[in-house]
Amino acid sequence: MHRFAESDVLREPELASSSSKRNTSTPRRTRSRLRFIAAVRFANGQRGNFSIDNAHDLEEARRMVFDELEEVATVLITSYR
């Protein structure tokens, strides 16, 4: 499967020292990032699946497919988590 975007940088979790206080507040909710997958058929009959990780919505994902790839005959895009 191909990717349009670099994956997030992996970071090691911060280790709490024994002298630090525990945080009892509720954790902030981060907005889950939308991910899309595109099934593309090219004009020459070849096919490919592409992961689109940095689009904000379905329309932007579609636009990115047509901007990045040449000779696209058909495209089917869906979101996944």
N, C-alpha and C. Protein backbone atom coordinates (compact mmCIF):
# COMPACT_ATOMS: atom_id res chain seq x y z
N MET A 1 0.85 -1.17 0.00
CA MET A 1 0.00 0.00 0.00
C MET A 1 0.90 1.23 0.00
N HIS A 2 0.56 2.22 -0.77
CA HIS A 2 1.34 3.44 -0.88
C HIS A 2 0.83 4.47 0.11
N ARG A 3 1.68 5.41 0.47
CA ARG A 3 1.29 6.47 1.39
C ARG A 3 1.55 7.82 0.74
N PHE A 4 0.66 8.78 0.97
CA PHE A 4 0.86 10.14 0.50
C PHE A 4 1.59 10.98 1.53
N ALA A 5 1.53 10.60 2.79
CA ALA A 5 2.11 11.43 3.85
C ALA A 5 3.08 10.63 4.69
N GLU A 6 4.04 11.33 5.25
CA GLU A 6 4.95 10.69 6.18
C GLU A 6 4.17 10.37 7.45
N SER A 7 4.50 9.26 8.08
CA SER A 7 3.81 8.91 9.32
C SER A 7 4.30 9.80 10.45
N ASP A 8 3.54 9.86 11.51
CA ASP A 8 3.91 10.67 12.66
C ASP A 8 5.20 10.17 13.26
N VAL A 9 5.93 11.09 13.86
CA VAL A 9 7.17 10.71 14.52
C VAL A 9 6.82 9.98 15.80
N LEU A 10 7.43 8.83 16.01
CA LEU A 10 7.17 8.06 17.22
C LEU A 10 8.05 8.61 18.33
N ARG A 11 7.46 8.81 19.47
CA ARG A 11 8.21 9.34 20.61
C ARG A 11 8.09 8.37 21.77
N GLU A 12 9.14 8.29 22.54
CA GLU A 12 9.09 7.45 23.73
C GLU A 12 8.24 8.14 24.78
N PRO A 13 7.47 7.39 25.54
CA PRO A 13 6.65 8.01 26.58
C PRO A 13 7.55 8.60 27.66
N GLU A 14 7.10 9.72 28.20
CA GLU A 14 7.87 10.35 29.26
C GLU A 14 7.69 9.54 30.54
N LEU A 15 8.78 9.26 31.18
CA LEU A 15 8.73 8.50 32.42
C LEU A 15 8.57 9.46 33.59
N ALA A 16 7.61 9.20 34.42
CA ALA A 16 7.37 10.06 35.58
C ALA A 16 8.38 9.71 36.67
N SER A 17 8.93 10.75 37.26
CA SER A 17 9.86 10.49 38.35
C SER A 17 9.07 10.21 39.62
N SER A 18 9.68 9.54 40.56
CA SER A 18 8.98 9.16 41.78
C SER A 18 8.62 10.37 42.63
N SER A 19 9.33 11.49 42.42
CA SER A 19 9.03 12.67 43.23
C SER A 19 7.95 13.55 42.61
N SER A 20 7.55 13.27 41.38
CA SER A 20 6.54 14.12 40.74
C SER A 20 5.14 13.75 41.23
N LYS A 21 4.26 14.72 41.25
CA LYS A 21 2.88 14.50 41.67
C LYS A 21 2.09 13.87 40.54
N ARG A 22 1.10 13.10 40.88
CA ARG A 22 0.23 12.53 39.86
C ARG A 22 -0.78 13.57 39.42
N ASN A 23 -1.06 13.57 38.16
CA ASN A 23 -2.05 14.48 37.61
C ASN A 23 -3.41 13.80 37.69
N THR A 24 -4.31 14.37 38.48
CA THR A 24 -5.62 13.75 38.67
C THR A 24 -6.70 14.39 37.80
N SER A 25 -6.32 15.39 37.02
CA SER A 25 -7.31 16.03 36.15
C SER A 25 -7.63 15.10 34.99
N THR A 26 -8.77 15.34 34.38
CA THR A 26 -9.17 14.51 33.24
C THR A 26 -8.29 14.84 32.05
N PRO A 27 -7.90 13.84 31.30
CA PRO A 27 -7.03 14.10 30.14
C PRO A 27 -7.80 14.83 29.05
N ARG A 28 -7.07 15.64 28.30
CA ARG A 28 -7.70 16.34 27.17
C ARG A 28 -8.00 15.34 26.07
N ARG A 29 -9.11 15.54 25.43
CA ARG A 29 -9.45 14.67 24.31
C ARG A 29 -8.89 15.30 23.05
N THR A 30 -8.11 14.53 22.35
CA THR A 30 -7.59 15.02 21.09
C THR A 30 -8.52 14.55 19.99
N ARG A 31 -8.66 15.37 19.00
CA ARG A 31 -9.52 15.02 17.88
C ARG A 31 -8.86 13.91 17.09
N SER A 32 -9.58 12.83 16.90
CA SER A 32 -8.99 11.73 16.15
C SER A 32 -8.79 12.16 14.71
N ARG A 33 -7.68 11.78 14.18
CA ARG A 33 -7.31 12.18 12.84
C ARG A 33 -7.99 11.26 11.83
N LEU A 34 -8.62 11.84 10.84
CA LEU A 34 -9.27 11.03 9.81
C LEU A 34 -8.23 10.42 8.89
N ARG A 35 -8.45 9.20 8.50
CA ARG A 35 -7.60 8.52 7.54
C ARG A 35 -8.50 8.00 6.44
N PHE A 36 -7.97 8.02 5.24
CA PHE A 36 -8.74 7.56 4.09
C PHE A 36 -7.93 6.54 3.32
N ILE A 37 -8.63 5.68 2.62
CA ILE A 37 -7.98 4.74 1.70
C ILE A 37 -8.65 4.91 0.34
N ALA A 38 -7.82 4.92 -0.69
CA ALA A 38 -8.32 5.12 -2.05
C ALA A 38 -7.96 3.91 -2.90
N ALA A 39 -8.95 3.36 -3.56
CA ALA A 39 -8.73 2.31 -4.56
C ALA A 39 -8.80 2.99 -5.92
N VAL A 40 -7.71 2.91 -6.66
CA VAL A 40 -7.58 3.66 -7.91
C VAL A 40 -7.39 2.70 -9.07
N ARG A 41 -8.09 2.96 -10.16
CA ARG A 41 -7.85 2.25 -11.43
C ARG A 41 -7.35 3.30 -12.42
N PHE A 42 -6.24 2.99 -13.05
CA PHE A 42 -5.62 3.90 -14.00
C PHE A 42 -6.14 3.64 -15.41
N ALA A 43 -5.90 4.58 -16.31
CA ALA A 43 -6.38 4.48 -17.68
C ALA A 43 -5.81 3.26 -18.41
N ASN A 44 -4.62 2.82 -18.00
CA ASN A 44 -4.00 1.67 -18.66
C ASN A 44 -4.45 0.34 -18.06
N GLY A 45 -5.38 0.35 -17.10
CA GLY A 45 -5.92 -0.87 -16.51
C GLY A 45 -5.27 -1.28 -15.20
N GLN A 46 -4.15 -0.69 -14.85
CA GLN A 46 -3.52 -1.02 -13.57
C GLN A 46 -4.35 -0.49 -12.41
N ARG A 47 -4.14 -1.13 -11.25
CA ARG A 47 -4.88 -0.73 -10.06
C ARG A 47 -3.90 -0.49 -8.92
N GLY A 48 -4.35 0.28 -7.93
CA GLY A 48 -3.51 0.50 -6.75
C GLY A 48 -4.35 0.97 -5.58
N ASN A 49 -3.88 0.68 -4.37
CA ASN A 49 -4.51 1.17 -3.15
C ASN A 49 -3.57 2.18 -2.51
N PHE A 50 -4.12 3.29 -2.03
CA PHE A 50 -3.32 4.36 -1.48
C PHE A 50 -3.90 4.80 -0.14
N SER A 51 -3.03 5.02 0.82
CA SER A 51 -3.43 5.53 2.12
C SER A 51 -3.26 7.04 2.11
N ILE A 52 -4.28 7.76 2.54
CA ILE A 52 -4.24 9.22 2.58
C ILE A 52 -4.43 9.63 4.03
N ASP A 53 -3.34 10.07 4.64
CA ASP A 53 -3.34 10.30 6.08
C ASP A 53 -3.47 11.77 6.48
N ASN A 54 -3.35 12.69 5.57
CA ASN A 54 -3.33 14.10 5.97
C ASN A 54 -4.45 14.93 5.35
N ALA A 55 -5.52 14.33 4.95
CA ALA A 55 -6.67 15.06 4.41
C ALA A 55 -7.67 15.34 5.53
N HIS A 56 -8.32 16.49 5.46
CA HIS A 56 -9.29 16.87 6.49
C HIS A 56 -10.68 16.30 6.24
N ASP A 57 -10.99 16.05 4.97
CA ASP A 57 -12.31 15.50 4.65
C ASP A 57 -12.22 14.70 3.35
N LEU A 58 -13.33 14.10 2.99
CA LEU A 58 -13.38 13.23 1.82
C LEU A 58 -13.06 13.98 0.52
N GLU A 59 -13.58 15.19 0.40
CA GLU A 59 -13.33 15.99 -0.80
C GLU A 59 -11.85 16.33 -0.95
N GLU A 60 -11.19 16.67 0.16
CA GLU A 60 -9.76 16.97 0.10
C GLU A 60 -8.96 15.71 -0.25
N ALA A 61 -9.37 14.57 0.26
CA ALA A 61 -8.70 13.30 -0.07
C ALA A 61 -8.81 13.02 -1.57
N ARG A 62 -9.98 13.24 -2.12
CA ARG A 62 -10.20 13.03 -3.55
C ARG A 62 -9.33 13.97 -4.38
N ARG A 63 -9.29 15.23 -3.97
CA ARG A 63 -8.47 16.21 -4.66
C ARG A 63 -6.99 15.81 -4.63
N MET A 64 -6.53 15.29 -3.49
CA MET A 64 -5.14 14.89 -3.35
C MET A 64 -4.81 13.72 -4.28
N VAL A 65 -5.73 12.79 -4.44
CA VAL A 65 -5.50 11.66 -5.34
C VAL A 65 -5.30 12.17 -6.76
N PHE A 66 -6.17 13.05 -7.22
CA PHE A 66 -6.06 13.56 -8.59
C PHE A 66 -4.86 14.48 -8.77
N ASP A 67 -4.43 15.17 -7.71
CA ASP A 67 -3.24 16.02 -7.80
C ASP A 67 -1.96 15.20 -7.85
N GLU A 68 -1.91 14.10 -7.13
CA GLU A 68 -0.69 13.31 -6.99
C GLU A 68 -0.51 12.24 -8.07
N LEU A 69 -1.60 11.74 -8.60
CA LEU A 69 -1.53 10.63 -9.56
C LEU A 69 -1.94 11.09 -10.94
N GLU A 70 -1.36 10.46 -11.95
CA GLU A 70 -1.69 10.80 -13.33
C GLU A 70 -2.51 9.69 -13.97
N GLU A 71 -3.34 10.06 -14.92
CA GLU A 71 -4.15 9.14 -15.71
C GLU A 71 -5.05 8.26 -14.85
N VAL A 72 -5.75 8.86 -13.91
CA VAL A 72 -6.70 8.14 -13.06
C VAL A 72 -8.01 7.98 -13.83
N ALA A 73 -8.46 6.74 -13.98
CA ALA A 73 -9.72 6.48 -14.67
C ALA A 73 -10.87 6.51 -13.66
N THR A 74 -10.74 5.78 -12.55
CA THR A 74 -11.76 5.76 -11.51
C THR A 74 -11.08 5.74 -10.14
N VAL A 75 -11.80 6.25 -9.16
CA VAL A 75 -11.28 6.24 -7.79
C VAL A 75 -12.44 6.02 -6.83
N LEU A 76 -12.19 5.21 -5.81
CA LEU A 76 -13.15 4.97 -4.74
C LEU A 76 -12.43 5.26 -3.44
N ILE A 77 -12.98 6.18 -2.64
CA ILE A 77 -12.33 6.59 -1.39
C ILE A 77 -13.27 6.34 -0.24
N THR A 78 -12.72 5.83 0.86
CA THR A 78 -13.50 5.63 2.08
C THR A 78 -12.64 5.97 3.28
N SER A 79 -13.28 6.31 4.38
CA SER A 79 -12.54 6.63 5.60
C SER A 79 -12.40 5.35 6.44
N TYR A 80 -11.34 5.30 7.23
CA TYR A 80 -11.15 4.20 8.15
C TYR A 80 -10.41 4.70 9.36
N ARG A 81 -10.51 3.97 10.45
CA ARG A 81 -9.84 4.37 11.70
C ARG A 81 -8.91 3.29 12.15
